C-alpha atoms as a PDB file:
ATOM      1  CA  MET A   1     -19.725 -25.967  -0.007  1.00  0.00           C
ATOM      2  CA  SER A   2     -15.918 -26.831   1.248  1.00  0.00           C
ATOM      3  CA  VAL A   3     -14.217 -26.377   4.527  1.00  0.00           C
ATOM      4  CA  CYS A   4     -10.975 -24.410   4.461  1.00  0.00           C
ATOM      5  CA  PRO A   5      -8.038 -26.750   5.426  1.00  0.00           C
ATOM      6  CA  GLN A   6      -6.562 -23.141   6.568  1.00  0.00           C
ATOM      7  CA  CYS A   7      -8.782 -21.488   8.816  1.00  0.00           C
ATOM      8  CA  GLY A   8     -12.131 -23.899   9.252  1.00  0.00           C
ATOM      9  CA  ALA A   9     -14.621 -21.542   7.774  1.00  0.00           C
ATOM     10  CA  THR A  10     -17.138 -22.845   5.226  1.00  0.00           C
ATOM     11  CA  ALA A  11     -15.862 -21.504   1.601  1.00  0.00           C
ATOM     12  CA  SER A  12     -17.056 -21.947  -1.712  1.00  0.00           C
ATOM     13  CA  GLY A  13     -15.298 -21.639  -5.011  1.00  0.00           C
ATOM     14  CA  ALA A  14     -11.628 -22.086  -5.544  1.00  0.00           C
ATOM     15  CA  PHE A  15     -10.312 -19.714  -2.572  1.00  0.00           C
ATOM     16  CA  CYS A  16     -11.305 -19.157   1.152  1.00  0.00           C
ATOM     17  CA  THR A  17     -13.271 -16.398   1.201  1.00  0.00           C
ATOM     18  CA  ASN A  18     -11.907 -15.574   5.102  1.00  0.00           C
ATOM     19  CA  CYS A  19      -8.086 -16.202   4.737  1.00  0.00           C
ATOM     20  CA  GLY A  20      -7.700 -16.372   0.801  1.00  0.00           C
ATOM     21  CA  ALA A  21      -6.526 -19.927   1.144  1.00  0.00           C
ATOM     22  CA  HIS A  22      -6.881 -22.592  -1.991  1.00  0.00           C
ATOM     23  CA  ILE A  23      -9.591 -24.718  -0.986  1.00  0.00           C
ATOM     24  CA  ALA A  24      -9.027 -27.487  -4.348  1.00  0.00           C
ATOM     25  CA  GLY A  25      -8.293 -30.347  -1.924  1.00  0.00           C
ATOM     26  CA  ALA A  26     -10.822 -28.973   0.651  1.00  0.00           C
ATOM     27  CA  VAL A  27     -12.854 -31.496   2.404  1.00  0.00           C
ATOM     28  CA  PRO A  28     -16.197 -31.140   1.944  1.00  0.00           C
ATOM     29  CA  LEU A  29     -19.209 -30.547   4.391  1.00  0.00           C
ATOM     30  CA  SER A  30     -21.602 -33.821   5.259  1.00  0.00           C
ATOM     31  CA  PRO A  31     -25.306 -32.560   5.061  1.00  0.00           C
ATOM     32  CA  ASP A  32     -25.802 -34.368   8.181  1.00  0.00           C
ATOM     33  CA  ALA A  33     -22.926 -32.360   9.655  1.00  0.00           C
ATOM     34  CA  THR A  34     -25.229 -30.011  12.008  1.00  0.00           C
ATOM     35  CA  SER A  35     -24.838 -29.309  15.420  1.00  0.00           C
ATOM     36  CA  SER A  36     -27.876 -30.365  18.416  1.00  0.00           C
ATOM     37  CA  ASP A  37     -29.006 -27.463  20.836  1.00  0.00           C
ATOM     38  CA  ASN A  38     -26.520 -29.482  23.216  1.00  0.00           C
ATOM     39  CA  GLU A  39     -23.342 -30.112  21.224  1.00  0.00           C
ATOM     40  CA  VAL A  40     -21.390 -28.019  19.047  1.00  0.00           C
ATOM     41  CA  ALA A  41     -19.554 -29.648  16.329  1.00  0.00           C
ATOM     42  CA  PRO A  42     -15.721 -28.591  16.104  1.00  0.00           C
ATOM     43  CA  THR A  43     -14.474 -27.260  12.768  1.00  0.00           C
ATOM     44  CA  PRO A  44     -11.246 -28.324  11.195  1.00  0.00           C
ATOM     45  CA  GLY A  45      -8.774 -26.639  13.233  1.00  0.00           C
ATOM     46  CA  SER A  46     -10.719 -25.513  16.269  1.00  0.00           C
ATOM     47  CA  PHE A  47      -9.665 -27.526  19.523  1.00  0.00           C
ATOM     48  CA  LEU A  48     -12.214 -28.173  22.632  1.00  0.00           C
ATOM     49  CA  SER A  49     -12.210 -27.265  25.951  1.00  0.00           C
ATOM     50  CA  ASN A  50     -13.752 -27.958  29.219  1.00  0.00           C
ATOM     51  CA  VAL A  51     -15.863 -25.414  30.885  1.00  0.00           C
ATOM     52  CA  GLY A  52     -17.737 -26.408  33.684  1.00  0.00           C
ATOM     53  CA  GLY A  53     -17.619 -29.628  32.711  1.00  0.00           C
ATOM     54  CA  GLU A  54     -19.012 -29.295  29.376  1.00  0.00           C
ATOM     55  CA  SER A  55     -16.997 -29.328  26.277  1.00  0.00           C
ATOM     56  CA  VAL A  56     -17.471 -26.283  24.197  1.00  0.00           C
ATOM     57  CA  ALA A  57     -15.490 -25.649  21.028  1.00  0.00           C
ATOM     58  CA  GLN A  58     -13.089 -23.028  20.576  1.00  0.00           C
ATOM     59  CA  PRO A  59     -12.751 -20.846  16.969  1.00  0.00           C
ATOM     60  CA  PRO A  60      -9.591 -21.958  15.275  1.00  0.00           C
ATOM     61  CA  ALA A  61      -6.893 -19.276  15.253  1.00  0.00           C
ATOM     62  CA  ARG A  62      -6.949 -17.157  12.636  1.00  0.00           C
ATOM     63  CA  PRO A  63      -4.200 -16.934  10.372  1.00  0.00           C
ATOM     64  CA  LYS A  64      -2.192 -13.806   9.326  1.00  0.00           C
ATOM     65  CA  PRO A  65      -3.931 -12.448   6.360  1.00  0.00           C
ATOM     66  CA  ALA A  66      -1.327 -12.454   3.942  1.00  0.00           C
ATOM     67  CA  ALA A  67      -0.693 -16.109   4.922  1.00  0.00           C
ATOM     68  CA  ALA A  68      -2.642 -17.536   1.995  1.00  0.00           C
ATOM     69  CA  PRO A  69      -0.344 -20.500   0.658  1.00  0.00           C
ATOM     70  CA  ALA A  70       1.544 -20.256  -2.557  1.00  0.00           C
ATOM     71  CA  LEU A  71      -0.059 -21.357  -5.506  1.00  0.00           C
ATOM     72  CA  ALA A  72       1.032 -24.495  -7.404  1.00  0.00           C
ATOM     73  CA  PRO A  73       1.735 -24.087 -11.030  1.00  0.00           C
ATOM     74  CA  GLY A  74      -1.267 -24.153 -13.567  1.00  0.00           C
ATOM     75  CA  PRO A  75      -3.306 -21.774 -15.400  1.00  0.00           C
ATOM     76  CA  LEU A  76      -4.627 -20.321 -11.958  1.00  0.00           C
ATOM     77  CA  ARG A  77      -0.945 -19.406 -11.123  1.00  0.00           C
ATOM     78  CA  THR A  78      -0.137 -18.163 -14.563  1.00  0.00           C
ATOM     79  CA  THR A  79      -3.101 -15.909 -14.749  1.00  0.00           C
ATOM     80  CA  MET A  80      -2.643 -14.513 -11.488  1.00  0.00           C
ATOM     81  CA  VAL A  81       1.007 -13.880 -12.728  1.00  0.00           C
ATOM     82  CA  TRP A  82      -0.123 -11.593 -16.253  1.00  0.00           C
ATOM     83  CA  GLU A  83      -2.809  -9.715 -13.777  1.00  0.00           C
ATOM     84  CA  THR A  84      -0.370  -8.864 -11.487  1.00  0.00           C
ATOM     85  CA  ARG A  85       1.710  -7.671 -14.397  1.00  0.00           C
ATOM     86  CA  PHE A  86      -0.579  -5.906 -15.808  1.00  0.00           C
ATOM     87  CA  MET A  87      -1.672  -4.188 -13.147  1.00  0.00           C
ATOM     88  CA  MET A  88       1.224  -2.655 -11.970  1.00  0.00           C
ATOM     89  CA  LEU A  89       1.772  -1.590 -15.512  1.00  0.00           C
ATOM     90  CA  ALA A  90      -0.947   0.545 -15.301  1.00  0.00           C
ATOM     91  CA  PHE A  91      -0.553   2.053 -11.964  1.00  0.00           C
ATOM     92  CA  LEU A  92       3.285   2.608 -12.326  1.00  0.00           C
ATOM     93  CA  ALA A  93       3.129   3.926 -16.221  1.00  0.00           C
ATOM     94  CA  PRO A  94       1.502   7.342 -16.365  1.00  0.00           C
ATOM     95  CA  GLY A  95       4.165   8.091 -12.612  1.00  0.00           C
ATOM     96  CA  VAL A  96       6.975   6.769 -14.144  1.00  0.00           C
ATOM     97  CA  VAL A  97       6.805   8.491 -17.923  1.00  0.00           C
ATOM     98  CA  SER A  98       6.051  11.932 -15.800  1.00  0.00           C
ATOM     99  CA  ALA A  99       8.750  11.221 -13.816  1.00  0.00           C
ATOM    100  CA  VAL A 100      11.423  10.857 -17.363  1.00  0.00           C
ATOM    101  CA  ILE A 101       9.784  13.886 -18.641  1.00  0.00           C
ATOM    102  CA  VAL A 102      10.442  16.002 -15.330  1.00  0.00           C
ATOM    103  CA  LEU A 103      14.194  14.501 -15.176  1.00  0.00           C
ATOM    104  CA  SER A 104      14.723  15.408 -18.741  1.00  0.00           C
ATOM    105  CA  GLN A 105      13.768  18.922 -18.651  1.00  0.00           C
ATOM    106  CA  HIS A 106      15.908  19.239 -15.344  1.00  0.00           C
ATOM    107  CA  VAL A 107      19.016  17.928 -17.540  1.00  0.00           C
ATOM    108  CA  ALA A 108      17.774  19.980 -20.342  1.00  0.00           C
ATOM    109  CA  GLY A 109      18.405  23.088 -17.640  1.00  0.00           C
ATOM    110  CA  VAL A 110      14.635  23.858 -17.374  1.00  0.00           C
ATOM    111  CA  GLN A 111      14.082  25.244 -13.913  1.00  0.00           C
ATOM    112  CA  ASN A 112      11.112  26.522 -11.134  1.00  0.00           C
ATOM    113  CA  PHE A 113       9.362  22.919 -10.727  1.00  0.00           C
ATOM    114  CA  THR A 114       6.548  23.344  -8.780  1.00  0.00           C
ATOM    115  CA  ASN A 115       4.116  20.663  -7.538  1.00  0.00           C
ATOM    116  CA  LEU A 116       1.391  23.553  -7.657  1.00  0.00           C
ATOM    117  CA  PRO A 117       1.320  24.974 -11.167  1.00  0.00           C
ATOM    118  CA  THR A 118      -0.906  27.302 -12.696  1.00  0.00           C
ATOM    119  CA  LEU A 119      -3.636  26.086 -15.223  1.00  0.00           C
ATOM    120  CA  VAL A 120      -5.950  28.849 -15.170  1.00  0.00           C
ATOM    121  CA  HIS A 121      -4.108  32.488 -14.762  1.00  0.00           C
ATOM    122  CA  HIS A 122      -5.853  35.190 -12.351  1.00  0.00           C
ATOM    123  CA  GLN A 123      -8.160  32.835 -10.783  1.00  0.00           C
ATOM    124  CA  PRO A 124      -7.012  30.819  -7.487  1.00  0.00           C
ATOM    125  CA  VAL A 125      -9.918  29.325  -6.488  1.00  0.00           C
ATOM    126  CA  THR A 126     -10.904  27.291  -9.934  1.00  0.00           C
ATOM    127  CA  ASN A 127      -7.057  26.601 -10.257  1.00  0.00           C
ATOM    128  CA  LEU A 128      -7.385  24.775  -6.961  1.00  0.00           C
ATOM    129  CA  ILE A 129     -10.214  22.891  -8.061  1.00  0.00           C
ATOM    130  CA  LEU A 130      -8.728  22.352 -11.385  1.00  0.00           C
ATOM    131  CA  LEU A 131      -5.456  21.077  -9.756  1.00  0.00           C
ATOM    132  CA  ILE A 132      -7.544  18.622  -7.576  1.00  0.00           C
ATOM    133  CA  LEU A 133      -9.484  17.143 -10.167  1.00  0.00           C
ATOM    134  CA  ALA A 134      -6.301  16.711 -12.372  1.00  0.00           C
ATOM    135  CA  TYR A 135      -4.510  14.665  -9.693  1.00  0.00           C
ATOM    136  CA  LEU A 136      -7.502  12.414  -8.348  1.00  0.00           C
ATOM    137  CA  PRO A 137      -6.932   9.803 -11.339  1.00  0.00           C
ATOM    138  CA  VAL A 138      -3.330   8.512  -9.628  1.00  0.00           C
ATOM    139  CA  ALA A 139      -5.425   6.326  -7.730  1.00  0.00           C
ATOM    140  CA  SER A 140      -7.731   5.247 -10.435  1.00  0.00           C
ATOM    141  CA  THR A 141      -6.136   1.888 -10.392  1.00  0.00           C
ATOM    142  CA  VAL A 142      -6.775   1.214  -6.770  1.00  0.00           C
ATOM    143  CA  PRO A 143     -10.917   0.477  -6.803  1.00  0.00           C
ATOM    144  CA  LEU A 144     -10.038  -2.338  -9.660  1.00  0.00           C
ATOM    145  CA  ALA A 145      -6.951  -3.811  -7.282  1.00  0.00           C
ATOM    146  CA  LEU A 146      -9.276  -4.083  -4.141  1.00  0.00           C
ATOM    147  CA  LEU A 147     -12.205  -5.749  -6.107  1.00  0.00           C
ATOM    148  CA  LEU A 148      -9.341  -8.009  -7.877  1.00  0.00           C
ATOM    149  CA  LEU A 149      -8.306  -8.929  -4.322  1.00  0.00           C
ATOM    150  CA  SER A 150     -11.826  -9.572  -3.002  1.00  0.00           C
ATOM    151  CA  ARG A 151     -12.247 -12.267  -5.543  1.00  0.00           C
ATOM    152  CA  THR A 152      -9.169 -14.043  -4.105  1.00  0.00           C
ATOM    153  CA  GLY A 153     -10.218 -13.579  -0.580  1.00  0.00           C
ATOM    154  CA  GLN A 154      -8.344 -10.361   0.247  1.00  0.00           C
ATOM    155  CA  GLY A 155     -10.885  -7.751   1.061  1.00  0.00           C
ATOM    156  CA  PRO A 156     -10.403  -4.608   2.841  1.00  0.00           C
ATOM    157  CA  LYS A 157     -10.733  -6.333   6.289  1.00  0.00           C
ATOM    158  CA  VAL A 158      -8.110  -8.911   5.518  1.00  0.00           C
ATOM    159  CA  LEU A 159      -5.836  -6.332   4.415  1.00  0.00           C
ATOM    160  CA  GLY A 160      -6.808  -4.240   7.320  1.00  0.00           C
ATOM    161  CA  MET A 161      -8.138  -1.257   5.979  1.00  0.00           C
ATOM    162  CA  GLY A 162     -10.997   0.918   7.624  1.00  0.00           C
ATOM    163  CA  ILE A 163     -11.438   3.745  10.228  1.00  0.00           C
ATOM    164  CA  PRO A 164      -7.651   4.459  11.563  1.00  0.00           C
ATOM    165  CA  SER A 165      -6.777   3.932  14.913  1.00  0.00           C
ATOM    166  CA  PHE A 166      -5.127   7.004  16.536  1.00  0.00           C
ATOM    167  CA  THR A 167      -3.242   4.208  19.024  1.00  0.00           C
ATOM    168  CA  GLN A 168      -2.612   1.368  16.384  1.00  0.00           C
ATOM    169  CA  ASP A 169      -2.315   3.722  13.180  1.00  0.00           C
ATOM    170  CA  VAL A 170      -1.777   7.452  13.756  1.00  0.00           C
ATOM    171  CA  ILE A 171       1.014   7.228  16.410  1.00  0.00           C
ATOM    172  CA  PRO A 172       2.950   4.702  14.944  1.00  0.00           C
ATOM    173  CA  GLY A 173       2.445   6.119  11.437  1.00  0.00           C
ATOM    174  CA  LEU A 174       3.916   9.458  13.008  1.00  0.00           C
ATOM    175  CA  GLY A 175       6.733   6.999  14.394  1.00  0.00           C
ATOM    176  CA  ILE A 176       7.579   6.084  10.921  1.00  0.00           C
ATOM    177  CA  GLY A 177       7.606   9.027   9.524  1.00  0.00           C
ATOM    178  CA  ALA A 178      10.113  10.516  11.665  1.00  0.00           C
ATOM    179  CA  LEU A 179      12.465   7.645  11.402  1.00  0.00           C
ATOM    180  CA  ALA A 180      12.378   8.012   8.005  1.00  0.00           C
ATOM    181  CA  LEU A 181      13.025  11.615   8.306  1.00  0.00           C
ATOM    182  CA  LEU A 182      16.065  10.908  10.311  1.00  0.00           C
ATOM    183  CA  CYS A 183      17.276   7.922   8.314  1.00  0.00           C
ATOM    184  CA  GLU A 184      17.283  10.597   5.530  1.00  0.00           C
ATOM    185  CA  PHE A 185      19.337  13.234   7.041  1.00  0.00           C
ATOM    186  CA  ILE A 186      21.693  10.313   7.920  1.00  0.00           C
ATOM    187  CA  LEU A 187      21.839   9.754   4.162  1.00  0.00           C
ATOM    188  CA  LEU A 188      22.604  13.086   3.284  1.00  0.00           C
ATOM    189  CA  ILE A 189      25.856  13.259   5.232  1.00  0.00           C
ATOM    190  CA  PRO A 190      28.222  11.535   3.549  1.00  0.00           C
ATOM    191  CA  PHE A 191      26.840  13.032   0.309  1.00  0.00           C
ATOM    192  CA  ALA A 192      26.721  16.934   1.676  1.00  0.00           C
ATOM    193  CA  HIS A 193      30.143  18.272  -0.055  1.00  0.00           C
ATOM    194  CA  LEU A 194      28.932  16.498  -3.291  1.00  0.00           C
ATOM    195  CA  LEU A 195      25.482  18.154  -3.327  1.00  0.00           C
ATOM    196  CA  THR A 196      26.890  21.486  -2.550  1.00  0.00           C
ATOM    197  CA  GLU A 197      29.689  21.221  -5.410  1.00  0.00           C
ATOM    198  CA  HIS A 198      27.164  19.943  -7.819  1.00  0.00           C
ATOM    199  CA  PRO A 199      23.598  21.364  -7.083  1.00  0.00           C
ATOM    200  CA  GLY A 200      22.018  20.050 -10.203  1.00  0.00           C
ATOM    201  CA  LEU A 201      22.694  16.566  -9.346  1.00  0.00           C
ATOM    202  CA  VAL A 202      19.110  17.057  -7.444  1.00  0.00           C
ATOM    203  CA  THR A 203      15.761  18.382  -9.292  1.00  0.00           C
ATOM    204  CA  ARG A 204      14.616  21.235  -6.519  1.00  0.00           C
ATOM    205  CA  ILE A 205      11.010  21.030  -6.851  1.00  0.00           C
ATOM    206  CA  SER A 206       8.840  23.495  -4.521  1.00  0.00           C
ATOM    207  CA  GLU A 207       5.171  24.220  -3.730  1.00  0.00           C
ATOM    208  CA  GLY A 208       5.816  27.844  -5.122  1.00  0.00           C
ATOM    209  CA  SER A 209       3.649  31.141  -3.731  1.00  0.00           C
ATOM    210  CA  VAL A 210      -0.021  30.487  -3.492  1.00  0.00           C
ATOM    211  CA  PRO A 211      -2.671  31.054  -0.900  1.00  0.00           C
ATOM    212  CA  LYS A 212      -2.364  29.750   2.305  1.00  0.00           C
ATOM    213  CA  TYR A 213      -5.779  27.817   1.455  1.00  0.00           C
ATOM    214  CA  TYR A 214      -3.748  25.705  -0.988  1.00  0.00           C
ATOM    215  CA  ILE A 215      -3.333  23.559   2.034  1.00  0.00           C
ATOM    216  CA  ILE A 216      -6.525  21.884   0.929  1.00  0.00           C
ATOM    217  CA  TYR A 217      -4.882  20.735  -2.073  1.00  0.00           C
ATOM    218  CA  GLY A 218      -1.905  19.442  -0.090  1.00  0.00           C
ATOM    219  CA  LEU A 219      -3.837  17.582   1.995  1.00  0.00           C
ATOM    220  CA  ILE A 220      -6.333  16.058  -0.862  1.00  0.00           C
ATOM    221  CA  LEU A 221      -2.856  15.414  -2.941  1.00  0.00           C
ATOM    222  CA  SER A 222      -1.413  13.468   0.509  1.00  0.00           C
ATOM    223  CA  ALA A 223      -4.132  11.327   0.665  1.00  0.00           C
ATOM    224  CA  THR A 224      -4.648  10.240  -2.684  1.00  0.00           C
ATOM    225  CA  THR A 225      -1.137   9.263  -3.010  1.00  0.00           C
ATOM    226  CA  ALA A 226      -0.975   7.310   0.351  1.00  0.00           C
ATOM    227  CA  LEU A 227      -4.008   5.696  -0.916  1.00  0.00           C
ATOM    228  CA  ALA A 228      -2.760   4.991  -4.244  1.00  0.00           C
ATOM    229  CA  GLU A 229       0.865   4.037  -3.208  1.00  0.00           C
ATOM    230  CA  GLU A 230       0.446   1.913  -0.393  1.00  0.00           C
ATOM    231  CA  VAL A 231      -2.665  -0.147  -1.762  1.00  0.00           C
ATOM    232  CA  MET A 232      -0.936  -0.706  -4.995  1.00  0.00           C
ATOM    233  CA  VAL A 233       2.637  -1.064  -3.658  1.00  0.00           C
ATOM    234  CA  ASN A 234       1.879  -2.948  -0.389  1.00  0.00           C
ATOM    235  CA  GLY A 235      -2.093  -4.435  -0.107  1.00  0.00           C
ATOM    236  CA  TYR A 236      -1.854  -5.698  -3.573  1.00  0.00           C
ATOM    237  CA  LEU A 237       1.367  -6.257  -4.934  1.00  0.00           C
ATOM    238  CA  LEU A 238       3.191  -7.804  -1.505  1.00  0.00           C
ATOM    239  CA  THR A 239      -0.287  -9.902  -1.527  1.00  0.00           C
ATOM    240  CA  ARG A 240       0.183 -11.414  -5.088  1.00  0.00           C
ATOM    241  CA  LEU A 241       3.696 -12.277  -4.761  1.00  0.00           C
ATOM    242  CA  HIS A 242       3.061 -13.727  -1.371  1.00  0.00           C
ATOM    243  CA  GLN A 243       0.906 -15.805  -3.270  1.00  0.00           C
ATOM    244  CA  LEU A 244       3.279 -16.362  -6.178  1.00  0.00           C
ATOM    245  CA  GLY A 245       5.707 -17.731  -3.722  1.00  0.00           C
ATOM    246  CA  TRP A 246       8.306 -14.755  -3.314  1.00  0.00           C
ATOM    247  CA  SER A 247       9.577 -14.373  -0.123  1.00  0.00           C
ATOM    248  CA  ASP A 248       9.738 -11.379   2.191  1.00  0.00           C
ATOM    249  CA  LYS A 249      13.147 -10.085   1.588  1.00  0.00           C
ATOM    250  CA  LYS A 250      12.580 -10.627  -2.837  1.00  0.00           C
ATOM    251  CA  SER A 251       9.084  -8.422  -2.403  1.00  0.00           C
ATOM    252  CA  LEU A 252      10.573  -5.969  -0.345  1.00  0.00           C
ATOM    253  CA  ALA A 253      13.500  -5.457  -3.062  1.00  0.00           C
ATOM    254  CA  LEU A 254      11.068  -5.669  -5.440  1.00  0.00           C
ATOM    255  CA  SER A 255       8.501  -3.324  -4.054  1.00  0.00           C
ATOM    256  CA  LEU A 256      11.646  -0.691  -3.217  1.00  0.00           C
ATOM    257  CA  THR A 257      12.370  -0.381  -6.710  1.00  0.00           C
ATOM    258  CA  LEU A 258       9.080   0.032  -8.209  1.00  0.00           C
ATOM    259  CA  ARG A 259       8.381   2.831  -5.236  1.00  0.00           C
ATOM    260  CA  THR A 260      11.455   4.610  -6.227  1.00  0.00           C
ATOM    261  CA  SER A 261      11.069   4.098 -10.103  1.00  0.00           C
ATOM    262  CA  TYR A 262       8.448   7.149 -10.491  1.00  0.00           C
ATOM    263  CA  HIS A 263      10.177   9.050  -7.885  1.00  0.00           C
ATOM    264  CA  ILE A 264      13.392   9.709 -10.000  1.00  0.00           C
ATOM    265  CA  TYR A 265      12.298  13.067 -11.346  1.00  0.00           C
ATOM    266  CA  TYR A 266      14.199  14.257  -8.164  1.00  0.00           C
ATOM    267  CA  GLY A 267      17.393  13.107  -9.912  1.00  0.00           C
ATOM    268  CA  PHE A 268      19.996  12.042  -7.102  1.00  0.00           C
ATOM    269  CA  GLY A 269      17.229  12.614  -4.535  1.00  0.00           C
ATOM    270  CA  PHE A 270      15.228   9.576  -5.238  1.00  0.00           C
ATOM    271  CA  LEU A 271      17.551   7.820  -2.620  1.00  0.00           C
ATOM    272  CA  LEU A 272      15.599   9.649  -0.012  1.00  0.00           C
ATOM    273  CA  THR A 273      12.355   8.158  -0.962  1.00  0.00           C
ATOM    274  CA  VAL A 274      13.771   4.825   0.186  1.00  0.00           C
ATOM    275  CA  PRO A 275      14.042   4.474   3.958  1.00  0.00           C
ATOM    276  CA  PHE A 276      10.317   5.735   4.024  1.00  0.00           C
ATOM    277  CA  GLY A 277       9.678   3.244   1.717  1.00  0.00           C
ATOM    278  CA  TYR A 278      11.358   0.377   3.673  1.00  0.00           C
ATOM    279  CA  PHE A 279       9.814   1.427   6.878  1.00  0.00           C
ATOM    280  CA  ASN A 280       6.165   1.327   5.266  1.00  0.00           C
ATOM    281  CA  THR A 281       6.706  -1.850   3.627  1.00  0.00           C
ATOM    282  CA  ARG A 282       8.167  -3.908   6.160  1.00  0.00           C
ATOM    283  CA  SER A 283       5.396  -2.301   8.562  1.00  0.00           C
ATOM    284  CA  PHE A 284       2.892  -4.171   6.005  1.00  0.00           C
ATOM    285  CA  GLN A 285       4.737  -7.553   5.926  1.00  0.00           C
ATOM    286  CA  LYS A 286       5.387  -7.603   9.678  1.00  0.00           C
ATOM    287  CA  HIS A 287       1.677  -6.686  10.637  1.00  0.00           C
ATOM    288  CA  HIS A 288      -0.395  -7.097   7.429  1.00  0.00           C
ATOM    289  CA  LYS A 289      -2.636  -3.718   8.318  1.00  0.00           C
ATOM    290  CA  LEU A 290      -2.681  -1.595   5.442  1.00  0.00           C
ATOM    291  CA  ASN A 291      -4.083   1.493   7.665  1.00  0.00           C
ATOM    292  CA  ARG A 292      -0.759   2.143   9.026  1.00  0.00           C
ATOM    293  CA  PRO A 293       1.171   2.675   5.895  1.00  0.00           C
ATOM    294  CA  ILE A 294      -1.517   5.017   4.640  1.00  0.00           C
ATOM    295  CA  VAL A 295      -1.867   7.005   7.531  1.00  0.00           C
ATOM    296  CA  ALA A 296       2.201   7.288   7.750  1.00  0.00           C
ATOM    297  CA  HIS A 297       2.223   8.039   3.864  1.00  0.00           C
ATOM    298  CA  PHE A 298      -0.432  10.686   4.443  1.00  0.00           C
ATOM    299  CA  LEU A 299       0.993  12.291   7.546  1.00  0.00           C
ATOM    300  CA  PHE A 300       4.555  12.570   6.095  1.00  0.00           C
ATOM    301  CA  ASP A 301       3.888  14.106   2.847  1.00  0.00           C
ATOM    302  CA  ALA A 302       1.090  16.845   4.518  1.00  0.00           C
ATOM    303  CA  ILE A 303       3.229  18.073   7.290  1.00  0.00           C
ATOM    304  CA  LEU A 304       5.775  18.886   4.685  1.00  0.00           C
ATOM    305  CA  ILE A 305       3.345  20.160   1.993  1.00  0.00           C
ATOM    306  CA  THR A 306       1.885  22.107   4.381  1.00  0.00           C
ATOM    307  CA  ILE A 307       5.227  23.682   5.949  1.00  0.00           C
ATOM    308  CA  SER A 308       6.441  24.362   2.205  1.00  0.00           C
ATOM    309  CA  ILE A 309       2.504  26.718   1.539  1.00  0.00           C
ATOM    310  CA  LEU A 310       2.952  28.032   4.864  1.00  0.00           C
ATOM    311  CA  ARG A 311       6.382  29.590   4.334  1.00  0.00           C
ATOM    312  CA  GLY A 312       5.846  30.258   0.515  1.00  0.00           C
END
């Protein structure tokens, strides 16, 4: 057993389970390091305050969850580099391949793309269930990513995952979505004439004409997408890049590049995904709270899909 040099928590193994810091050089706990009933032994990083004439140990300030120090060159760092590459490949490959196929079909003249294809004819309820089952694998890498992060000390609590708060997550999430939508409209202004002259630059994807209860599918699709993208591209990737010594700016650039890679099926319209990705990524980098970008992503997609289905 050792004491973490970053947060003072009792830890064992290569990483602190409280903050994720590498504790190879931590100071071992002494077997005699126990406190009597009248004394409180301060832990490293804590301080003593005088309350009522008695010294009381104050808990150490909890570091930011993503503030684990960068790993030094060596086998552990090399393993983490390859782990990160393989995890992102597993997450990105299906989406990027599907996006390339849709974009190729659009370029070849195939039209009428829809988010709600008909898998079985004349059975809308069965079709709805099959659509839901077909989309759930999008989030198949999420449990593995959370397990790997937990093994290095970044469990769901450290990542800021849990029951969303209305004031801390929902309201800011709506703000992120509104700001992203505003930026999208501003981005369209200089290209409005170009898109009017060449409408084929953008792949138009609709929800099609379906029963109104397909809103259920829209909500499940939105929740699955939000969980998968934000856990993988924010929670997992940004945490690992920080541990590998990447700066916030470089991490942001890579995150946005990867996030837009599986949206290229929009054609020129993929640029409109950048504002939302930017604000969501910066939110996690600043607050180290994954709930907020997940809620923001869910609300953004759910509102747009619901409007599309109701109008259809």
